[in-house]
Amino acid sequence: MSVTIAVESPRQPEIVRLLELSDTYAASLYPAESNHLVDLSTLEKPCVSFFVARNAGAIVGCAALVETGDGTAEIKRMFIDPAARGLKIATHLMDALEKRAKSRDLEAIRLETGIYQPEAIGLYRKYGYIDIEPFASYLPDPLSLFMEKRLK
C-alpha cells in the first residue's frame, strides 16, 4: 500500500465522484436542513487547503481545511471512498490537516459532523476533539455535533 496525501485541486472527475458519494451518503442519514455541505467552487477558494488521498495513485479520499480568518479553520468534506475503508486513509488525512493548521499558526480546528456517523466521531475524539456549542453560522441541531481541537 502506498498512500500519499497532497494538496490538489478539487476540480477533478474522481473528486467530483467522491463528493457525489458523500452527498448521497449524507442524504441517506440526514434531512437536507441538517446537511452542511460546501460546493466545489467553495473548495477552490484561496482560504481552502484541499487534501487528496491516493492509494497506489488512485484517489480514495479527500478533506478540506477552510481557514475562517479568525485564527481558526474548519474541516469540511472529509470523505473516504467506501472501497478504501480500513486502509487508515482518514488517519493520514487528519495528520495532514493538523500539520497544515499548525504551519498556519492557527489556534483551533473546528468541525460539524452528524450524530449517525460513529466512525467519524470516534476518529475526531481519538485526535482530541471535544464537543463545543454551534459556531460560525451554525444553528443548534439535534442531529449535529460540533467539535473543536485547540492547537495553542
N, C-alpha and C. Protein backbone atom coordinates (compact mmCIF):
# COMPACT_ATOMS: atom_id res chain seq x y z
N MET A 1 0.85 -1.18 0.00
CA MET A 1 0.00 0.00 0.00
C MET A 1 0.88 1.24 0.00
N SER A 2 0.62 2.15 -0.90
CA SER A 2 1.37 3.40 -0.95
C SER A 2 0.40 4.57 -0.93
N VAL A 3 0.08 5.01 0.28
CA VAL A 3 -0.84 6.12 0.47
C VAL A 3 -0.07 7.43 0.43
N THR A 4 -0.56 8.38 -0.35
CA THR A 4 0.01 9.72 -0.38
C THR A 4 -1.11 10.72 -0.11
N ILE A 5 -0.74 11.82 0.51
CA ILE A 5 -1.66 12.93 0.79
C ILE A 5 -1.01 14.18 0.23
N ALA A 6 -1.75 14.91 -0.58
CA ALA A 6 -1.22 16.14 -1.16
C ALA A 6 -2.33 17.15 -1.36
N VAL A 7 -1.96 18.43 -1.36
CA VAL A 7 -2.91 19.48 -1.70
C VAL A 7 -3.06 19.47 -3.22
N GLU A 8 -4.30 19.34 -3.65
CA GLU A 8 -4.60 19.29 -5.08
C GLU A 8 -5.87 20.07 -5.34
N SER A 9 -6.15 20.28 -6.60
CA SER A 9 -7.40 20.92 -7.00
C SER A 9 -8.57 19.97 -6.75
N PRO A 10 -9.67 20.50 -6.22
CA PRO A 10 -10.85 19.64 -6.07
C PRO A 10 -11.55 19.38 -7.40
N ARG A 11 -11.24 20.16 -8.41
CA ARG A 11 -11.94 20.04 -9.69
C ARG A 11 -11.28 18.95 -10.54
N GLN A 12 -11.52 17.71 -10.12
CA GLN A 12 -11.05 16.52 -10.82
C GLN A 12 -12.22 15.55 -10.88
N PRO A 13 -12.39 14.82 -11.96
CA PRO A 13 -13.53 13.89 -12.06
C PRO A 13 -13.62 12.92 -10.88
N GLU A 14 -12.49 12.42 -10.41
CA GLU A 14 -12.51 11.46 -9.30
C GLU A 14 -12.97 12.12 -8.00
N ILE A 15 -12.62 13.40 -7.82
CA ILE A 15 -13.05 14.15 -6.63
C ILE A 15 -14.54 14.44 -6.74
N VAL A 16 -15.00 14.85 -7.91
CA VAL A 16 -16.43 15.10 -8.10
C VAL A 16 -17.21 13.83 -7.76
N ARG A 17 -16.71 12.68 -8.17
CA ARG A 17 -17.37 11.40 -7.85
C ARG A 17 -17.40 11.18 -6.34
N LEU A 18 -16.28 11.43 -5.65
CA LEU A 18 -16.25 11.28 -4.19
C LEU A 18 -17.25 12.22 -3.51
N LEU A 19 -17.31 13.46 -3.97
CA LEU A 19 -18.23 14.42 -3.37
C LEU A 19 -19.68 14.00 -3.61
N GLU A 20 -19.96 13.45 -4.78
CA GLU A 20 -21.32 12.94 -5.04
C GLU A 20 -21.64 11.76 -4.14
N LEU A 21 -20.67 10.87 -3.92
CA LEU A 21 -20.88 9.76 -2.98
C LEU A 21 -21.14 10.30 -1.57
N SER A 22 -20.38 11.31 -1.19
CA SER A 22 -20.54 11.93 0.12
C SER A 22 -21.93 12.55 0.26
N ASP A 23 -22.37 13.27 -0.77
CA ASP A 23 -23.70 13.88 -0.75
C ASP A 23 -24.79 12.83 -0.59
N THR A 24 -24.66 11.74 -1.35
CA THR A 24 -25.66 10.66 -1.31
C THR A 24 -25.68 10.02 0.07
N TYR A 25 -24.49 9.79 0.63
CA TYR A 25 -24.39 9.19 1.96
C TYR A 25 -25.05 10.10 3.00
N ALA A 26 -24.71 11.40 2.96
CA ALA A 26 -25.27 12.34 3.93
C ALA A 26 -26.79 12.42 3.79
N ALA A 27 -27.28 12.41 2.56
CA ALA A 27 -28.72 12.49 2.33
C ALA A 27 -29.44 11.23 2.82
N SER A 28 -28.72 10.12 2.87
CA SER A 28 -29.34 8.88 3.37
C SER A 28 -29.46 8.87 4.89
N LEU A 29 -28.69 9.73 5.56
CA LEU A 29 -28.69 9.77 7.02
C LEU A 29 -29.46 10.94 7.62
N TYR A 30 -29.49 12.07 6.92
CA TYR A 30 -30.00 13.31 7.50
C TYR A 30 -30.91 14.04 6.53
N PRO A 31 -31.87 14.82 7.07
CA PRO A 31 -32.68 15.68 6.20
C PRO A 31 -31.81 16.82 5.65
N ALA A 32 -32.25 17.40 4.56
CA ALA A 32 -31.46 18.44 3.87
C ALA A 32 -31.04 19.57 4.80
N GLU A 33 -31.92 19.99 5.72
CA GLU A 33 -31.58 21.12 6.60
C GLU A 33 -30.48 20.78 7.61
N SER A 34 -30.16 19.50 7.76
CA SER A 34 -29.08 19.09 8.67
C SER A 34 -27.79 18.75 7.93
N ASN A 35 -27.79 18.91 6.62
CA ASN A 35 -26.57 18.69 5.83
C ASN A 35 -25.93 20.03 5.52
N HIS A 36 -24.69 20.17 5.94
CA HIS A 36 -23.98 21.43 5.79
C HIS A 36 -22.79 21.25 4.84
N LEU A 37 -23.11 20.88 3.60
CA LEU A 37 -22.08 20.57 2.62
C LEU A 37 -21.69 21.83 1.86
N VAL A 38 -20.42 21.92 1.51
CA VAL A 38 -19.97 23.04 0.68
C VAL A 38 -19.74 22.53 -0.73
N ASP A 39 -19.94 23.43 -1.70
CA ASP A 39 -19.83 23.03 -3.10
C ASP A 39 -18.40 23.14 -3.62
N LEU A 40 -18.23 22.69 -4.85
CA LEU A 40 -16.90 22.65 -5.47
C LEU A 40 -16.27 24.03 -5.56
N SER A 41 -17.03 25.05 -5.91
CA SER A 41 -16.45 26.39 -6.05
C SER A 41 -15.95 26.91 -4.70
N THR A 42 -16.63 26.57 -3.61
CA THR A 42 -16.17 26.96 -2.28
C THR A 42 -14.83 26.30 -1.97
N LEU A 43 -14.68 25.05 -2.39
CA LEU A 43 -13.44 24.30 -2.12
C LEU A 43 -12.24 24.85 -2.91
N GLU A 44 -12.51 25.69 -3.91
CA GLU A 44 -11.43 26.26 -4.73
C GLU A 44 -10.98 27.63 -4.23
N LYS A 45 -11.58 28.13 -3.17
CA LYS A 45 -11.22 29.46 -2.68
C LYS A 45 -9.82 29.46 -2.09
N PRO A 46 -9.16 30.62 -2.09
CA PRO A 46 -7.79 30.70 -1.57
C PRO A 46 -7.65 30.32 -0.10
N CYS A 47 -8.72 30.46 0.68
CA CYS A 47 -8.65 30.15 2.11
C CYS A 47 -8.76 28.65 2.38
N VAL A 48 -8.87 27.83 1.34
CA VAL A 48 -9.07 26.39 1.49
C VAL A 48 -7.83 25.62 1.07
N SER A 49 -7.41 24.71 1.93
CA SER A 49 -6.39 23.71 1.57
C SER A 49 -7.15 22.41 1.34
N PHE A 50 -7.16 21.95 0.09
CA PHE A 50 -7.92 20.74 -0.25
C PHE A 50 -6.95 19.58 -0.40
N PHE A 51 -7.10 18.60 0.49
CA PHE A 51 -6.20 17.45 0.51
C PHE A 51 -6.83 16.26 -0.20
N VAL A 52 -6.01 15.60 -1.00
CA VAL A 52 -6.43 14.42 -1.74
C VAL A 52 -5.58 13.24 -1.28
N ALA A 53 -6.26 12.16 -0.94
CA ALA A 53 -5.57 10.92 -0.55
C ALA A 53 -5.57 9.98 -1.75
N ARG A 54 -4.41 9.43 -2.02
CA ARG A 54 -4.28 8.45 -3.11
C ARG A 54 -3.68 7.17 -2.55
N ASN A 55 -4.15 6.07 -3.08
CA ASN A 55 -3.59 4.76 -2.77
C ASN A 55 -3.14 4.15 -4.09
N ALA A 56 -1.83 3.95 -4.22
CA ALA A 56 -1.26 3.45 -5.47
C ALA A 56 -1.70 4.33 -6.64
N GLY A 57 -1.78 5.64 -6.41
CA GLY A 57 -2.12 6.59 -7.45
C GLY A 57 -3.60 6.88 -7.60
N ALA A 58 -4.46 6.02 -7.13
CA ALA A 58 -5.91 6.22 -7.27
C ALA A 58 -6.45 7.08 -6.14
N ILE A 59 -7.32 8.03 -6.47
CA ILE A 59 -7.93 8.90 -5.47
C ILE A 59 -8.90 8.08 -4.63
N VAL A 60 -8.67 8.10 -3.30
CA VAL A 60 -9.50 7.30 -2.38
C VAL A 60 -10.11 8.11 -1.25
N GLY A 61 -9.77 9.40 -1.15
CA GLY A 61 -10.31 10.21 -0.08
C GLY A 61 -9.97 11.67 -0.25
N CYS A 62 -10.66 12.51 0.51
CA CYS A 62 -10.41 13.94 0.45
C CYS A 62 -10.84 14.60 1.75
N ALA A 63 -10.33 15.79 1.97
CA ALA A 63 -10.72 16.61 3.11
C ALA A 63 -10.24 18.03 2.86
N ALA A 64 -11.00 18.98 3.35
CA ALA A 64 -10.65 20.39 3.19
C ALA A 64 -10.44 21.04 4.54
N LEU A 65 -9.44 21.91 4.61
CA LEU A 65 -9.22 22.76 5.77
C LEU A 65 -9.56 24.17 5.32
N VAL A 66 -10.65 24.71 5.86
CA VAL A 66 -11.15 26.02 5.46
C VAL A 66 -10.80 27.03 6.55
N GLU A 67 -9.87 27.92 6.22
CA GLU A 67 -9.48 28.95 7.18
C GLU A 67 -10.57 30.02 7.23
N THR A 68 -10.93 30.42 8.45
CA THR A 68 -12.06 31.33 8.63
C THR A 68 -11.65 32.79 8.78
N GLY A 69 -10.37 33.05 8.94
CA GLY A 69 -9.91 34.43 9.08
C GLY A 69 -9.87 34.93 10.51
N ASP A 70 -10.28 34.08 11.46
CA ASP A 70 -10.27 34.49 12.87
C ASP A 70 -9.28 33.66 13.69
N GLY A 71 -8.32 33.03 13.03
CA GLY A 71 -7.35 32.20 13.74
C GLY A 71 -7.78 30.76 13.88
N THR A 72 -8.90 30.42 13.28
CA THR A 72 -9.38 29.03 13.32
C THR A 72 -9.62 28.54 11.88
N ALA A 73 -9.84 27.24 11.78
CA ALA A 73 -10.20 26.65 10.50
C ALA A 73 -11.24 25.57 10.77
N GLU A 74 -11.95 25.20 9.72
CA GLU A 74 -12.97 24.17 9.83
C GLU A 74 -12.66 23.04 8.86
N ILE A 75 -12.82 21.82 9.33
CA ILE A 75 -12.70 20.66 8.45
C ILE A 75 -14.02 20.48 7.72
N LYS A 76 -13.95 20.41 6.40
CA LYS A 76 -15.13 20.19 5.58
C LYS A 76 -14.82 19.09 4.56
N ARG A 77 -15.86 18.44 4.13
CA ARG A 77 -15.82 17.49 3.02
C ARG A 77 -14.83 16.34 3.19
N MET A 78 -14.67 15.88 4.44
CA MET A 78 -13.84 14.71 4.66
C MET A 78 -14.66 13.48 4.26
N PHE A 79 -14.12 12.72 3.34
CA PHE A 79 -14.83 11.54 2.86
C PHE A 79 -13.82 10.54 2.31
N ILE A 80 -14.05 9.29 2.65
CA ILE A 80 -13.22 8.19 2.17
C ILE A 80 -14.08 7.30 1.28
N ASP A 81 -13.54 6.93 0.13
CA ASP A 81 -14.24 6.01 -0.75
C ASP A 81 -14.54 4.73 0.03
N PRO A 82 -15.80 4.27 0.04
CA PRO A 82 -16.12 3.05 0.80
C PRO A 82 -15.23 1.87 0.45
N ALA A 83 -14.76 1.80 -0.78
CA ALA A 83 -13.89 0.69 -1.19
C ALA A 83 -12.51 0.76 -0.53
N ALA A 84 -12.16 1.93 0.00
CA ALA A 84 -10.84 2.10 0.61
C ALA A 84 -10.89 2.15 2.13
N ARG A 85 -12.06 1.94 2.70
CA ARG A 85 -12.16 1.98 4.16
C ARG A 85 -11.34 0.86 4.76
N GLY A 86 -10.76 1.14 5.91
CA GLY A 86 -9.91 0.16 6.57
C GLY A 86 -8.43 0.33 6.26
N LEU A 87 -8.11 1.26 5.36
CA LEU A 87 -6.71 1.49 4.98
C LEU A 87 -6.08 2.64 5.76
N LYS A 88 -6.78 3.17 6.75
CA LYS A 88 -6.28 4.27 7.59
C LYS A 88 -6.14 5.57 6.80
N ILE A 89 -6.91 5.72 5.73
CA ILE A 89 -6.86 6.94 4.92
C ILE A 89 -7.27 8.15 5.76
N ALA A 90 -8.30 8.00 6.58
CA ALA A 90 -8.76 9.12 7.41
C ALA A 90 -7.67 9.58 8.38
N THR A 91 -6.91 8.64 8.89
CA THR A 91 -5.81 8.99 9.79
C THR A 91 -4.76 9.82 9.05
N HIS A 92 -4.42 9.41 7.85
CA HIS A 92 -3.45 10.17 7.05
C HIS A 92 -3.98 11.57 6.75
N LEU A 93 -5.27 11.68 6.42
CA LEU A 93 -5.85 12.99 6.14
C LEU A 93 -5.86 13.87 7.39
N MET A 94 -6.24 13.31 8.53
CA MET A 94 -6.25 14.10 9.77
C MET A 94 -4.85 14.61 10.10
N ASP A 95 -3.84 13.77 9.92
CA ASP A 95 -2.47 14.20 10.18
C ASP A 95 -2.10 15.38 9.28
N ALA A 96 -2.48 15.31 8.01
CA ALA A 96 -2.17 16.38 7.06
C ALA A 96 -2.92 17.66 7.41
N LEU A 97 -4.19 17.54 7.77
CA LEU A 97 -4.99 18.71 8.14
C LEU A 97 -4.39 19.42 9.36
N GLU A 98 -4.04 18.64 10.36
CA GLU A 98 -3.48 19.24 11.58
C GLU A 98 -2.10 19.85 11.34
N LYS A 99 -1.31 19.19 10.52
CA LYS A 99 0.02 19.73 10.19
C LYS A 99 -0.12 21.07 9.47
N ARG A 100 -1.06 21.16 8.54
CA ARG A 100 -1.27 22.42 7.82
C ARG A 100 -1.76 23.50 8.78
N ALA A 101 -2.69 23.17 9.65
CA ALA A 101 -3.23 24.15 10.60
C ALA A 101 -2.11 24.69 11.51
N LYS A 102 -1.26 23.80 11.97
CA LYS A 102 -0.14 24.24 12.83
C LYS A 102 0.83 25.10 12.05
N SER A 103 1.10 24.75 10.78
CA SER A 103 2.03 25.53 9.97
C SER A 103 1.47 26.92 9.67
N ARG A 104 0.16 27.07 9.73
CA ARG A 104 -0.51 28.36 9.52
C ARG A 104 -0.69 29.11 10.84
N ASP A 105 -0.18 28.51 11.93
CA ASP A 105 -0.24 29.12 13.26
C ASP A 105 -1.68 29.37 13.71
N LEU A 106 -2.57 28.45 13.36
CA LEU A 106 -3.97 28.58 13.76
C LEU A 106 -4.15 28.18 15.22
N GLU A 107 -5.14 28.76 15.87
CA GLU A 107 -5.41 28.49 17.28
C GLU A 107 -6.25 27.24 17.49
N ALA A 108 -7.13 26.94 16.53
CA ALA A 108 -8.04 25.81 16.71
C ALA A 108 -8.57 25.33 15.37
N ILE A 109 -8.98 24.07 15.38
CA ILE A 109 -9.69 23.48 14.24
C ILE A 109 -11.07 23.07 14.76
N ARG A 110 -12.09 23.39 13.99
CA ARG A 110 -13.46 23.05 14.36
C ARG A 110 -14.09 22.19 13.27
N LEU A 111 -15.21 21.58 13.62
CA LEU A 111 -15.93 20.80 12.64
C LEU A 111 -17.36 20.57 13.10
N GLU A 112 -18.18 20.22 12.15
CA GLU A 112 -19.55 19.78 12.41
C GLU A 112 -19.67 18.41 11.77
N THR A 113 -20.23 17.47 12.51
CA THR A 113 -20.48 16.14 11.97
C THR A 113 -21.83 15.66 12.49
N GLY A 114 -22.34 14.65 11.84
CA GLY A 114 -23.65 14.14 12.22
C GLY A 114 -23.57 13.07 13.29
N ILE A 115 -24.64 12.97 14.05
CA ILE A 115 -24.68 12.03 15.18
C ILE A 115 -24.76 10.57 14.72
N TYR A 116 -25.10 10.33 13.47
CA TYR A 116 -25.22 8.95 12.98
C TYR A 116 -23.95 8.47 12.27
N GLN A 117 -22.83 9.08 12.58
CA GLN A 117 -21.55 8.70 11.98
C GLN A 117 -20.54 8.36 13.09
N PRO A 118 -20.74 7.22 13.76
CA PRO A 118 -19.90 6.88 14.90
C PRO A 118 -18.42 6.72 14.55
N GLU A 119 -18.12 6.28 13.34
CA GLU A 119 -16.71 6.12 12.97
C GLU A 119 -16.02 7.47 12.91
N ALA A 120 -16.69 8.45 12.30
CA ALA A 120 -16.12 9.79 12.22
C ALA A 120 -15.98 10.40 13.61
N ILE A 121 -17.01 10.28 14.41
CA ILE A 121 -16.96 10.83 15.77
C ILE A 121 -15.81 10.20 16.55
N GLY A 122 -15.66 8.90 16.43
CA GLY A 122 -14.58 8.20 17.12
C GLY A 122 -13.21 8.69 16.66
N LEU A 123 -13.06 8.90 15.36
CA LEU A 123 -11.79 9.41 14.83
C LEU A 123 -11.48 10.78 15.41
N TYR A 124 -12.46 11.67 15.40
CA TYR A 124 -12.22 13.02 15.91
C TYR A 124 -11.90 12.99 17.40
N ARG A 125 -12.61 12.18 18.16
CA ARG A 125 -12.31 12.08 19.60
C ARG A 125 -10.90 11.53 19.82
N LYS A 126 -10.51 10.54 19.02
CA LYS A 126 -9.16 9.98 19.12
C LYS A 126 -8.10 11.07 18.91
N TYR A 127 -8.41 12.03 18.07
CA TYR A 127 -7.48 13.13 17.79
C TYR A 127 -7.61 14.28 18.79
N GLY A 128 -8.46 14.13 19.79
CA GLY A 128 -8.54 15.14 20.85
C GLY A 128 -9.59 16.20 20.65
N TYR A 129 -10.50 16.01 19.73
CA TYR A 129 -11.57 16.98 19.51
C TYR A 129 -12.63 16.80 20.61
N ILE A 130 -13.11 17.93 21.11
CA ILE A 130 -14.12 17.91 22.17
C ILE A 130 -15.37 18.63 21.68
N ASP A 131 -16.50 18.29 22.30
CA ASP A 131 -17.77 18.91 21.93
C ASP A 131 -17.78 20.38 22.33
N ILE A 132 -18.33 21.19 21.43
CA ILE A 132 -18.50 22.62 21.69
C ILE A 132 -19.90 23.02 21.25
N GLU A 133 -20.26 24.25 21.54
CA GLU A 133 -21.53 24.81 21.08
C GLU A 133 -21.42 25.09 19.57
N PRO A 134 -22.56 25.26 18.89
CA PRO A 134 -22.50 25.63 17.48
C PRO A 134 -21.63 26.88 17.29
N PHE A 135 -20.91 26.92 16.18
CA PHE A 135 -20.00 28.02 15.91
C PHE A 135 -20.32 28.61 14.54
N ALA A 136 -19.71 29.76 14.27
CA ALA A 136 -19.90 30.47 12.99
C ALA A 136 -21.40 30.61 12.71
N SER A 137 -21.83 30.22 11.53
CA SER A 137 -23.24 30.42 11.16
C SER A 137 -24.13 29.22 11.49
N TYR A 138 -23.57 28.21 12.15
CA TYR A 138 -24.36 27.03 12.50
C TYR A 138 -25.39 27.36 13.58
N LEU A 139 -26.54 26.73 13.46
CA LEU A 139 -27.57 26.83 14.48
C LEU A 139 -27.63 25.50 15.24
N PRO A 140 -28.14 25.50 16.46
CA PRO A 140 -28.28 24.23 17.16
C PRO A 140 -29.10 23.24 16.32
N ASP A 141 -28.65 21.99 16.30
CA ASP A 141 -29.32 20.94 15.53
C ASP A 141 -29.15 19.64 16.29
N PRO A 142 -30.24 18.98 16.66
CA PRO A 142 -30.10 17.73 17.42
C PRO A 142 -29.40 16.61 16.64
N LEU A 143 -29.25 16.78 15.34
CA LEU A 143 -28.58 15.77 14.51
C LEU A 143 -27.10 16.09 14.29
N SER A 144 -26.63 17.20 14.82
CA SER A 144 -25.24 17.63 14.62
C SER A 144 -24.45 17.63 15.92
N LEU A 145 -23.17 17.31 15.77
CA LEU A 145 -22.18 17.50 16.83
C LEU A 145 -21.21 18.55 16.34
N PHE A 146 -20.85 19.47 17.21
CA PHE A 146 -19.87 20.50 16.91
C PHE A 146 -18.67 20.21 17.78
N MET A 147 -17.49 20.20 17.16
CA MET A 147 -16.29 19.79 17.87
C MET A 147 -15.15 20.74 17.56
N GLU A 148 -14.17 20.74 18.48
CA GLU A 148 -13.02 21.63 18.33
C GLU A 148 -11.80 20.99 18.95
N LYS A 149 -10.66 21.30 18.36
CA LYS A 149 -9.37 20.96 18.96
C LYS A 149 -8.55 22.24 19.02
N ARG A 150 -8.16 22.60 20.21
CA ARG A 150 -7.29 23.77 20.39
C ARG A 150 -5.85 23.37 20.05
N LEU A 151 -5.18 24.21 19.30
CA LEU A 151 -3.80 23.94 18.91
C LEU A 151 -2.81 24.76 19.72
N LYS A 152 -3.30 25.74 20.46
CA LYS A 152 -2.44 26.60 21.28
C LYS A 152 -2.94 26.62 22.70
